[in-house]
């Protein structure tokens, strides 16, 4: 019996190529990506290497703290929405992205400073009894609303022991 690549079908039906779930899922994935891209625009942000970065474990820069008296309106970027969806797929937790940020309920974890302005912050807020929601927020641009660049969840007990200190500046040594 020869193993040729021909496909046979009864005379009353057209021969079809075998169905490929991988090809079909790729087409669905591309269609979903296009739909989400139209709903959640891309945002421009400086490259990570251009930012002067400060972390709470090393020291935050006191001259660039966000105004904690204001409540900010938040707009999720496409990347943040996709990140929240990935967390649900990976960890089985439905992630709800906030539409407002009350700094009294948030912990400032990281600052990104670009050309002497607070460009972005990383904050951690309580999501539920087991998880914290971590948001990277773009602080420049729109005055009335701030973009959520990306989002993920961490266990509330996670204290980030794998922090790479070489990525951050020490504000004390800068004075």
N, C-alpha and C. Protein backbone atom coordinates (compact mmCIF):
# COMPACT_ATOMS: atom_id res chain seq x y z
N UNK A 1 0.84 -1.18 0.00
CA UNK A 1 0.00 0.00 0.00
C UNK A 1 0.89 1.24 0.00
N UNK A 2 0.67 2.10 -0.95
CA UNK A 2 1.52 3.28 -1.04
C UNK A 2 0.93 4.42 -0.20
N UNK A 3 1.81 5.26 0.32
CA UNK A 3 1.39 6.40 1.15
C UNK A 3 1.54 7.69 0.35
N UNK A 4 0.68 7.85 -0.66
CA UNK A 4 0.77 9.10 -1.41
C UNK A 4 -0.07 10.18 -0.74
N UNK A 5 0.05 11.41 -1.22
CA UNK A 5 -0.58 12.56 -0.58
C UNK A 5 -1.92 12.91 -1.24
N UNK A 6 -2.54 12.00 -1.96
CA UNK A 6 -3.83 12.28 -2.58
C UNK A 6 -4.94 12.06 -1.57
N UNK A 7 -6.01 12.85 -1.73
CA UNK A 7 -7.18 12.71 -0.87
C UNK A 7 -8.33 12.20 -1.73
N UNK A 8 -9.03 11.22 -1.23
CA UNK A 8 -10.11 10.62 -2.00
C UNK A 8 -11.43 10.89 -1.30
N UNK A 9 -12.49 10.98 -2.11
CA UNK A 9 -13.83 11.17 -1.59
C UNK A 9 -14.79 10.44 -2.52
N UNK A 10 -15.96 10.10 -2.01
CA UNK A 10 -16.96 9.48 -2.91
C UNK A 10 -17.27 10.42 -4.08
N UNK A 11 -17.75 9.85 -5.20
CA UNK A 11 -17.97 10.64 -6.40
C UNK A 11 -19.00 11.74 -6.20
N UNK A 12 -19.88 11.58 -5.22
CA UNK A 12 -20.93 12.59 -5.03
C UNK A 12 -20.47 13.74 -4.11
N UNK A 13 -19.24 13.67 -3.57
CA UNK A 13 -18.71 14.74 -2.71
C UNK A 13 -17.36 15.20 -3.21
N UNK A 14 -17.05 16.46 -2.95
CA UNK A 14 -15.77 17.03 -3.34
C UNK A 14 -14.71 16.59 -2.33
N UNK A 15 -13.53 16.27 -2.78
CA UNK A 15 -12.42 15.92 -1.89
C UNK A 15 -12.00 17.17 -1.13
N UNK A 16 -11.81 17.02 0.18
CA UNK A 16 -11.41 18.16 1.02
C UNK A 16 -10.05 17.90 1.63
N UNK A 17 -9.38 19.00 1.87
CA UNK A 17 -8.11 18.94 2.58
C UNK A 17 -8.41 18.59 4.05
N UNK A 18 -7.58 17.77 4.70
CA UNK A 18 -7.85 17.44 6.11
C UNK A 18 -7.89 18.70 6.98
N UNK A 19 -8.76 18.69 7.94
CA UNK A 19 -8.96 19.82 8.85
C UNK A 19 -7.77 19.95 9.79
N UNK A 20 -7.28 21.19 9.99
CA UNK A 20 -6.17 21.44 10.90
C UNK A 20 -6.64 22.37 12.00
N UNK A 21 -6.68 21.89 13.23
CA UNK A 21 -7.10 22.72 14.37
C UNK A 21 -6.10 23.85 14.60
N UNK A 22 -4.83 23.62 14.33
CA UNK A 22 -3.81 24.64 14.53
C UNK A 22 -4.04 25.82 13.59
N UNK A 23 -4.26 25.54 12.31
CA UNK A 23 -4.54 26.60 11.34
C UNK A 23 -5.79 27.37 11.72
N UNK A 24 -6.83 26.68 12.15
CA UNK A 24 -8.08 27.34 12.51
C UNK A 24 -7.91 28.20 13.75
N UNK A 25 -7.19 27.72 14.76
CA UNK A 25 -6.99 28.50 15.98
C UNK A 25 -6.13 29.73 15.70
N UNK A 26 -5.18 29.61 14.79
CA UNK A 26 -4.36 30.76 14.44
C UNK A 26 -5.23 31.83 13.77
N UNK A 27 -6.13 31.43 12.89
CA UNK A 27 -7.01 32.40 12.24
C UNK A 27 -7.92 33.07 13.27
N UNK A 28 -8.44 32.32 14.22
CA UNK A 28 -9.28 32.88 15.28
C UNK A 28 -8.48 33.85 16.14
N UNK A 29 -7.26 33.47 16.49
CA UNK A 29 -6.41 34.31 17.31
C UNK A 29 -6.11 35.64 16.62
N UNK A 30 -5.83 35.60 15.33
CA UNK A 30 -5.55 36.83 14.58
C UNK A 30 -6.79 37.70 14.52
N UNK A 31 -7.96 37.11 14.33
CA UNK A 31 -9.21 37.87 14.28
C UNK A 31 -9.50 38.54 15.62
N UNK A 32 -9.28 37.82 16.72
CA UNK A 32 -9.49 38.39 18.06
C UNK A 32 -8.51 39.52 18.31
N UNK A 33 -7.26 39.34 17.91
CA UNK A 33 -6.25 40.38 18.08
C UNK A 33 -6.64 41.65 17.32
N UNK A 34 -7.14 41.51 16.10
CA UNK A 34 -7.57 42.68 15.32
C UNK A 34 -8.75 43.38 15.97
N UNK A 35 -9.69 42.61 16.50
CA UNK A 35 -10.85 43.19 17.17
C UNK A 35 -10.40 43.98 18.40
N UNK A 36 -9.54 43.40 19.22
CA UNK A 36 -9.07 44.08 20.42
C UNK A 36 -8.23 45.30 20.09
N UNK A 37 -7.46 45.22 19.02
CA UNK A 37 -6.63 46.36 18.62
C UNK A 37 -7.50 47.55 18.22
N UNK A 38 -8.65 47.28 17.63
CA UNK A 38 -9.52 48.39 17.24
C UNK A 38 -10.21 49.01 18.45
N UNK A 39 -10.41 48.24 19.51
CA UNK A 39 -11.09 48.74 20.70
C UNK A 39 -10.15 49.39 21.70
N UNK A 40 -8.93 48.91 21.79
CA UNK A 40 -7.96 49.40 22.75
C UNK A 40 -6.71 49.84 22.00
N UNK A 41 -6.51 51.14 21.82
CA UNK A 41 -5.39 51.61 21.00
C UNK A 41 -4.04 51.36 21.66
N UNK A 42 -3.03 51.33 20.81
CA UNK A 42 -1.66 51.24 21.30
C UNK A 42 -1.26 52.59 21.87
N UNK A 43 -0.38 52.58 22.86
CA UNK A 43 0.09 53.83 23.44
C UNK A 43 1.59 53.90 23.29
N UNK A 44 2.07 55.09 23.06
CA UNK A 44 3.51 55.29 22.91
C UNK A 44 4.12 55.52 24.29
N UNK A 45 5.21 54.85 24.59
CA UNK A 45 5.93 55.04 25.84
C UNK A 45 7.41 54.94 25.54
N UNK A 46 8.24 55.66 26.29
CA UNK A 46 9.68 55.57 26.03
C UNK A 46 10.20 54.17 26.33
N UNK A 47 11.26 53.82 25.65
CA UNK A 47 11.88 52.53 25.89
C UNK A 47 12.31 52.41 27.35
N UNK A 48 12.25 51.21 27.88
CA UNK A 48 12.57 50.97 29.27
C UNK A 48 13.99 51.41 29.63
N UNK A 49 14.91 51.26 28.71
CA UNK A 49 16.30 51.61 29.02
C UNK A 49 16.50 53.11 29.15
N UNK A 50 15.59 53.91 28.60
CA UNK A 50 15.72 55.36 28.71
C UNK A 50 15.24 55.88 30.05
N UNK A 51 14.48 55.10 30.77
CA UNK A 51 13.92 55.54 32.04
C UNK A 51 14.94 55.42 33.16
N UNK A 52 14.95 56.41 34.03
CA UNK A 52 15.66 56.26 35.30
C UNK A 52 14.66 55.58 36.22
N UNK A 53 15.03 54.45 36.76
CA UNK A 53 14.08 53.64 37.53
C UNK A 53 14.46 53.60 39.00
N UNK A 54 13.42 53.71 39.84
CA UNK A 54 13.58 53.64 41.29
C UNK A 54 12.57 52.64 41.84
N UNK A 55 13.01 51.84 42.81
CA UNK A 55 12.17 50.79 43.38
C UNK A 55 12.05 51.01 44.88
N UNK A 56 10.90 50.66 45.42
CA UNK A 56 10.64 50.88 46.84
C UNK A 56 11.64 50.14 47.73
N UNK A 57 12.12 48.98 47.29
CA UNK A 57 13.07 48.21 48.10
C UNK A 57 14.44 48.89 48.18
N UNK A 58 14.77 49.73 47.20
CA UNK A 58 16.05 50.43 47.18
C UNK A 58 15.86 51.87 47.63
N UNK A 59 14.75 52.45 47.23
CA UNK A 59 14.42 53.82 47.60
C UNK A 59 13.73 54.54 46.45
N UNK A 60 12.60 55.13 46.73
CA UNK A 60 11.89 55.93 45.74
C UNK A 60 12.45 57.34 45.73
N UNK A 61 12.42 57.99 44.59
CA UNK A 61 12.94 59.36 44.48
C UNK A 61 11.90 60.31 45.09
N UNK A 62 12.26 61.05 46.14
CA UNK A 62 11.28 61.89 46.83
C UNK A 62 10.77 63.07 46.00
N UNK A 63 11.52 63.48 44.98
CA UNK A 63 11.10 64.61 44.15
C UNK A 63 10.08 64.24 43.08
N UNK A 64 9.83 62.95 42.91
CA UNK A 64 8.95 62.50 41.83
C UNK A 64 7.82 61.59 42.34
N UNK A 65 7.29 61.91 43.49
CA UNK A 65 6.17 61.13 44.02
C UNK A 65 4.88 61.65 43.39
N UNK A 66 3.96 60.75 43.02
CA UNK A 66 2.70 61.22 42.44
C UNK A 66 1.85 61.93 43.48
N UNK A 67 0.96 62.79 43.04
CA UNK A 67 0.04 63.51 43.93
C UNK A 67 -0.99 62.51 44.45
N UNK A 68 -0.84 62.13 45.70
CA UNK A 68 -1.71 61.10 46.28
C UNK A 68 -3.05 61.66 46.76
N UNK A 69 -3.26 62.96 46.66
CA UNK A 69 -4.54 63.54 47.06
C UNK A 69 -5.60 63.41 45.97
N UNK A 70 -5.17 63.17 44.76
CA UNK A 70 -6.10 63.06 43.64
C UNK A 70 -6.48 61.61 43.39
N UNK A 71 -7.68 61.42 42.90
CA UNK A 71 -8.11 60.11 42.42
C UNK A 71 -8.02 60.17 40.90
N UNK A 72 -7.28 59.25 40.31
CA UNK A 72 -7.05 59.26 38.87
C UNK A 72 -8.05 58.37 38.14
N UNK A 73 -8.48 58.85 36.98
CA UNK A 73 -9.29 58.01 36.10
C UNK A 73 -8.31 57.19 35.26
N UNK A 74 -8.55 55.88 35.15
CA UNK A 74 -7.66 54.99 34.42
C UNK A 74 -8.32 54.46 33.16
N UNK A 75 -7.53 54.36 32.10
CA UNK A 75 -7.99 53.80 30.83
C UNK A 75 -7.08 52.62 30.49
N UNK A 76 -7.62 51.42 30.34
CA UNK A 76 -6.76 50.27 30.02
C UNK A 76 -6.31 50.29 28.57
N UNK A 77 -5.02 50.02 28.35
CA UNK A 77 -4.50 49.87 26.99
C UNK A 77 -4.83 48.46 26.51
N UNK A 78 -4.63 48.24 25.24
CA UNK A 78 -4.84 46.91 24.66
C UNK A 78 -3.94 45.89 25.34
N UNK A 79 -2.70 46.29 25.60
CA UNK A 79 -1.74 45.38 26.25
C UNK A 79 -2.21 45.00 27.66
N UNK A 80 -2.79 45.95 28.39
CA UNK A 80 -3.28 45.67 29.74
C UNK A 80 -4.45 44.69 29.71
N UNK A 81 -5.34 44.87 28.75
CA UNK A 81 -6.49 43.97 28.62
C UNK A 81 -6.02 42.56 28.29
N UNK A 82 -5.07 42.47 27.36
CA UNK A 82 -4.52 41.15 27.01
C UNK A 82 -3.80 40.52 28.21
N UNK A 83 -3.09 41.34 28.97
CA UNK A 83 -2.41 40.83 30.16
C UNK A 83 -3.40 40.28 31.18
N UNK A 84 -4.50 40.98 31.38
CA UNK A 84 -5.53 40.51 32.31
C UNK A 84 -6.14 39.19 31.81
N UNK A 85 -6.35 39.09 30.50
CA UNK A 85 -6.88 37.84 29.95
C UNK A 85 -5.89 36.69 30.12
N UNK A 86 -4.60 36.96 29.91
CA UNK A 86 -3.58 35.91 30.09
C UNK A 86 -3.54 35.43 31.54
N UNK A 87 -3.69 36.35 32.48
CA UNK A 87 -3.67 35.95 33.89
C UNK A 87 -4.85 35.02 34.20
N UNK A 88 -6.00 35.29 33.60
CA UNK A 88 -7.14 34.41 33.81
C UNK A 88 -6.87 33.03 33.23
N UNK A 89 -6.26 32.99 32.05
CA UNK A 89 -5.93 31.71 31.43
C UNK A 89 -4.87 30.96 32.23
N UNK A 90 -3.83 31.66 32.69
CA UNK A 90 -2.71 31.02 33.39
C UNK A 90 -3.03 30.64 34.82
N UNK A 91 -3.72 31.53 35.53
CA UNK A 91 -3.91 31.34 36.97
C UNK A 91 -5.35 31.08 37.36
N UNK A 92 -6.27 31.17 36.40
CA UNK A 92 -7.68 30.89 36.69
C UNK A 92 -8.37 31.96 37.53
N UNK A 93 -7.85 33.18 37.50
CA UNK A 93 -8.41 34.27 38.28
C UNK A 93 -8.92 35.34 37.32
N UNK A 94 -10.20 35.69 37.44
CA UNK A 94 -10.76 36.76 36.61
C UNK A 94 -10.21 38.10 37.12
N UNK A 95 -9.45 38.78 36.29
CA UNK A 95 -8.80 40.04 36.67
C UNK A 95 -9.70 41.20 36.24
N UNK A 96 -10.04 42.05 37.18
CA UNK A 96 -10.86 43.21 36.92
C UNK A 96 -9.97 44.46 36.96
N UNK A 97 -9.83 45.11 35.82
CA UNK A 97 -8.99 46.31 35.76
C UNK A 97 -9.79 47.50 36.29
N UNK A 98 -9.20 48.26 37.20
CA UNK A 98 -9.93 49.39 37.78
C UNK A 98 -10.07 50.55 36.80
N UNK A 99 -11.10 51.34 36.99
CA UNK A 99 -11.30 52.54 36.16
C UNK A 99 -10.88 53.80 36.90
N UNK A 100 -10.65 53.67 38.20
CA UNK A 100 -10.14 54.79 39.00
C UNK A 100 -9.03 54.26 39.91
N UNK A 101 -8.12 55.16 40.27
CA UNK A 101 -7.03 54.80 41.18
C UNK A 101 -7.07 55.73 42.37
N UNK A 102 -7.31 55.16 43.52
CA UNK A 102 -7.27 55.88 44.79
C UNK A 102 -5.94 55.51 45.45
N UNK A 103 -5.03 56.47 45.53
CA UNK A 103 -3.69 56.18 46.06
C UNK A 103 -3.70 55.72 47.51
N UNK A 104 -4.77 56.01 48.25
CA UNK A 104 -4.83 55.54 49.64
C UNK A 104 -5.00 54.02 49.70
N UNK A 105 -5.43 53.41 48.59
CA UNK A 105 -5.61 51.96 48.53
C UNK A 105 -4.48 51.26 47.77
N UNK A 106 -3.45 52.00 47.38
CA UNK A 106 -2.39 51.46 46.54
C UNK A 106 -1.02 51.62 47.19
N UNK A 107 -0.12 50.72 46.84
CA UNK A 107 1.27 50.82 47.27
C UNK A 107 2.12 51.14 46.05
N UNK A 108 2.88 52.23 46.12
CA UNK A 108 3.78 52.60 45.04
C UNK A 108 5.01 51.71 45.11
N UNK A 109 5.28 50.98 44.04
CA UNK A 109 6.37 50.02 44.01
C UNK A 109 7.57 50.56 43.23
N UNK A 110 7.30 51.25 42.12
CA UNK A 110 8.39 51.65 41.23
C UNK A 110 8.04 52.97 40.55
N UNK A 111 9.08 53.76 40.27
CA UNK A 111 8.95 55.00 39.51
C UNK A 111 9.82 54.90 38.26
N UNK A 112 9.31 55.44 37.18
CA UNK A 112 10.10 55.57 35.95
C UNK A 112 10.16 57.04 35.60
N UNK A 113 11.35 57.61 35.56
CA UNK A 113 11.52 59.04 35.32
C UNK A 113 12.21 59.21 33.97
N UNK A 114 11.61 60.08 33.15
CA UNK A 114 12.12 60.34 31.81
C UNK A 114 12.22 61.84 31.61
N UNK A 115 13.40 62.33 31.29
CA UNK A 115 13.63 63.75 31.08
C UNK A 115 13.06 64.60 32.22
N UNK A 116 13.41 64.23 33.43
CA UNK A 116 13.02 64.95 34.65
C UNK A 116 11.51 65.08 34.85
N UNK A 117 10.77 64.07 34.45
CA UNK A 117 9.33 64.03 34.69
C UNK A 117 8.95 62.59 35.06
N UNK A 118 7.98 62.46 35.94
CA UNK A 118 7.48 61.13 36.32
C UNK A 118 6.71 60.57 35.13
N UNK A 119 7.29 59.57 34.47
CA UNK A 119 6.72 59.01 33.25
C UNK A 119 5.75 57.88 33.56
N UNK A 120 6.17 56.98 34.45
CA UNK A 120 5.30 55.85 34.76
C UNK A 120 5.51 55.41 36.19
N UNK A 121 4.49 54.76 36.73
CA UNK A 121 4.58 54.20 38.07
C UNK A 121 4.11 52.75 38.02
N UNK A 122 4.57 51.99 38.97
CA UNK A 122 4.11 50.63 39.16
C UNK A 122 3.46 50.61 40.54
N UNK A 123 2.21 50.21 40.57
CA UNK A 123 1.48 50.18 41.84
C UNK A 123 0.93 48.78 42.09
N UNK A 124 0.67 48.52 43.34
CA UNK A 124 0.12 47.23 43.75
C UNK A 124 -1.11 47.52 44.60
N UNK A 125 -2.23 46.92 44.21
CA UNK A 125 -3.48 47.10 44.96
C UNK A 125 -4.09 45.74 45.23
N UNK A 126 -4.89 45.70 46.27
CA UNK A 126 -5.53 44.43 46.64
C UNK A 126 -6.57 44.06 45.59
N UNK A 127 -6.49 42.81 45.12
CA UNK A 127 -7.46 42.31 44.14
C UNK A 127 -8.52 41.47 44.84
N UNK A 128 -8.07 40.55 45.67
CA UNK A 128 -8.98 39.73 46.48
C UNK A 128 -8.17 39.17 47.65
N UNK A 129 -8.71 38.22 48.36
CA UNK A 129 -8.05 37.70 49.56
C UNK A 129 -6.71 37.03 49.26
N UNK A 130 -6.54 36.49 48.06
CA UNK A 130 -5.33 35.75 47.72
C UNK A 130 -4.38 36.51 46.79
N UNK A 131 -4.90 37.46 46.02
CA UNK A 131 -4.12 38.08 44.96
C UNK A 131 -4.07 39.60 45.09
N UNK A 132 -2.93 40.18 44.66
CA UNK A 132 -2.78 41.62 44.46
C UNK A 132 -2.72 41.89 42.97
N UNK A 133 -3.26 43.01 42.56
CA UNK A 133 -3.20 43.44 41.17
C UNK A 133 -2.05 44.44 41.03
N UNK A 134 -1.17 44.20 40.07
CA UNK A 134 -0.04 45.08 39.82
C UNK A 134 -0.30 45.81 38.50
N UNK A 135 -0.24 47.14 38.54
CA UNK A 135 -0.52 47.96 37.37
C UNK A 135 0.66 48.85 37.05
N UNK A 136 1.03 48.90 35.78
CA UNK A 136 1.99 49.87 35.30
C UNK A 136 1.17 50.98 34.65
N UNK A 137 1.32 52.21 35.17
CA UNK A 137 0.48 53.33 34.75
C UNK A 137 1.34 54.42 34.13
N UNK A 138 0.95 54.86 32.92
CA UNK A 138 1.62 55.95 32.24
C UNK A 138 1.12 57.26 32.81
N UNK A 139 2.01 58.06 33.39
CA UNK A 139 1.60 59.27 34.10
C UNK A 139 1.63 60.52 33.22
N UNK A 140 2.24 60.46 32.05
CA UNK A 140 2.28 61.63 31.17
C UNK A 140 1.20 61.49 30.11
N UNK A 141 1.03 62.51 29.33
CA UNK A 141 0.03 62.46 28.26
C UNK A 141 -1.26 63.15 28.71
N UNK A 142 -2.35 62.41 28.69
CA UNK A 142 -3.65 62.98 29.03
C UNK A 142 -3.67 63.50 30.47
N UNK A 143 -4.28 64.63 30.65
CA UNK A 143 -4.34 65.21 31.98
C UNK A 143 -5.48 64.60 32.82
N UNK A 144 -6.62 64.33 32.16
CA UNK A 144 -7.79 63.86 32.90
C UNK A 144 -7.81 62.35 33.12
N UNK A 145 -6.99 61.59 32.40
CA UNK A 145 -6.98 60.13 32.55
C UNK A 145 -5.55 59.62 32.32
N UNK A 146 -5.25 58.50 32.93
CA UNK A 146 -3.94 57.88 32.79
C UNK A 146 -4.11 56.48 32.21
N UNK A 147 -3.20 56.10 31.34
CA UNK A 147 -3.24 54.79 30.70
C UNK A 147 -2.69 53.71 31.62
N UNK A 148 -3.36 52.58 31.68
CA UNK A 148 -2.79 51.37 32.29
C UNK A 148 -1.98 50.71 31.17
N UNK A 149 -0.66 50.67 31.33
CA UNK A 149 0.20 50.10 30.30
C UNK A 149 0.06 48.58 30.30
N UNK A 150 0.18 47.98 31.47
CA UNK A 150 0.04 46.54 31.57
C UNK A 150 -0.45 46.18 32.97
N UNK A 151 -0.90 44.95 33.11
CA UNK A 151 -1.46 44.49 34.39
C UNK A 151 -1.18 43.00 34.58
N UNK A 152 -0.97 42.60 35.81
CA UNK A 152 -0.84 41.19 36.15
C UNK A 152 -1.17 41.04 37.62
N UNK A 153 -1.26 39.80 38.07
CA UNK A 153 -1.53 39.55 39.49
C UNK A 153 -0.37 38.80 40.12
N UNK A 154 -0.16 39.10 41.38
CA UNK A 154 0.83 38.40 42.21
C UNK A 154 0.14 37.91 43.46
N UNK A 155 0.63 36.81 43.99
CA UNK A 155 0.10 36.35 45.28
C UNK A 155 0.38 37.43 46.33
N UNK A 156 -0.53 37.58 47.25
CA UNK A 156 -0.36 38.60 48.29
C UNK A 156 0.87 38.31 49.15
N UNK A 157 1.27 37.05 49.23
CA UNK A 157 2.42 36.67 50.04
C UNK A 157 3.75 36.84 49.30
N UNK A 158 3.70 37.10 47.99
CA UNK A 158 4.92 37.26 47.20
C UNK A 158 5.62 38.57 47.56
N UNK A 159 6.85 38.50 47.98
CA UNK A 159 7.61 39.69 48.37
C UNK A 159 8.76 39.97 47.40
N UNK A 160 8.73 39.35 46.24
CA UNK A 160 9.63 39.66 45.13
C UNK A 160 11.10 39.51 45.54
N UNK A 161 11.46 38.34 46.00
CA UNK A 161 12.84 38.08 46.43
C UNK A 161 13.82 38.00 45.25
N UNK A 162 13.30 37.98 44.03
CA UNK A 162 14.17 37.87 42.86
C UNK A 162 14.47 39.22 42.23
N UNK A 163 14.27 40.30 42.94
CA UNK A 163 14.47 41.65 42.42
C UNK A 163 15.91 41.83 41.93
N UNK A 164 16.07 42.30 40.71
CA UNK A 164 17.38 42.60 40.14
C UNK A 164 17.72 44.05 40.47
N UNK A 165 18.48 44.25 41.52
CA UNK A 165 18.79 45.60 42.00
C UNK A 165 19.62 46.42 41.02
N UNK A 166 20.30 45.76 40.10
CA UNK A 166 21.13 46.50 39.15
C UNK A 166 20.30 47.31 38.15
N UNK A 167 19.01 47.06 38.06
CA UNK A 167 18.14 47.80 37.13
C UNK A 167 17.68 49.15 37.69
N UNK A 168 17.94 49.39 38.99
CA UNK A 168 17.39 50.57 39.66
C UNK A 168 18.48 51.47 40.21
N UNK A 169 18.15 52.76 40.28
CA UNK A 169 19.06 53.73 40.88
C UNK A 169 18.73 53.88 42.36
N UNK A 170 19.71 54.35 43.10
CA UNK A 170 19.51 54.67 44.52
C UNK A 170 19.37 56.18 44.62
N UNK A 171 18.23 56.68 45.11
CA UNK A 171 18.05 58.14 45.16
C UNK A 171 19.00 58.83 46.12
N UNK A 172 19.48 58.13 47.13
CA UNK A 172 20.40 58.73 48.09
C UNK A 172 21.74 59.02 47.43
N UNK A 173 22.21 58.14 46.57
CA UNK A 173 23.50 58.33 45.91
C UNK A 173 23.44 59.41 44.82
N UNK A 174 22.24 59.80 44.39
CA UNK A 174 22.06 60.80 43.33
C UNK A 174 22.15 62.23 43.87
N UNK A 175 22.08 62.42 45.18
CA UNK A 175 22.05 63.76 45.76
C UNK A 175 23.43 64.33 45.94
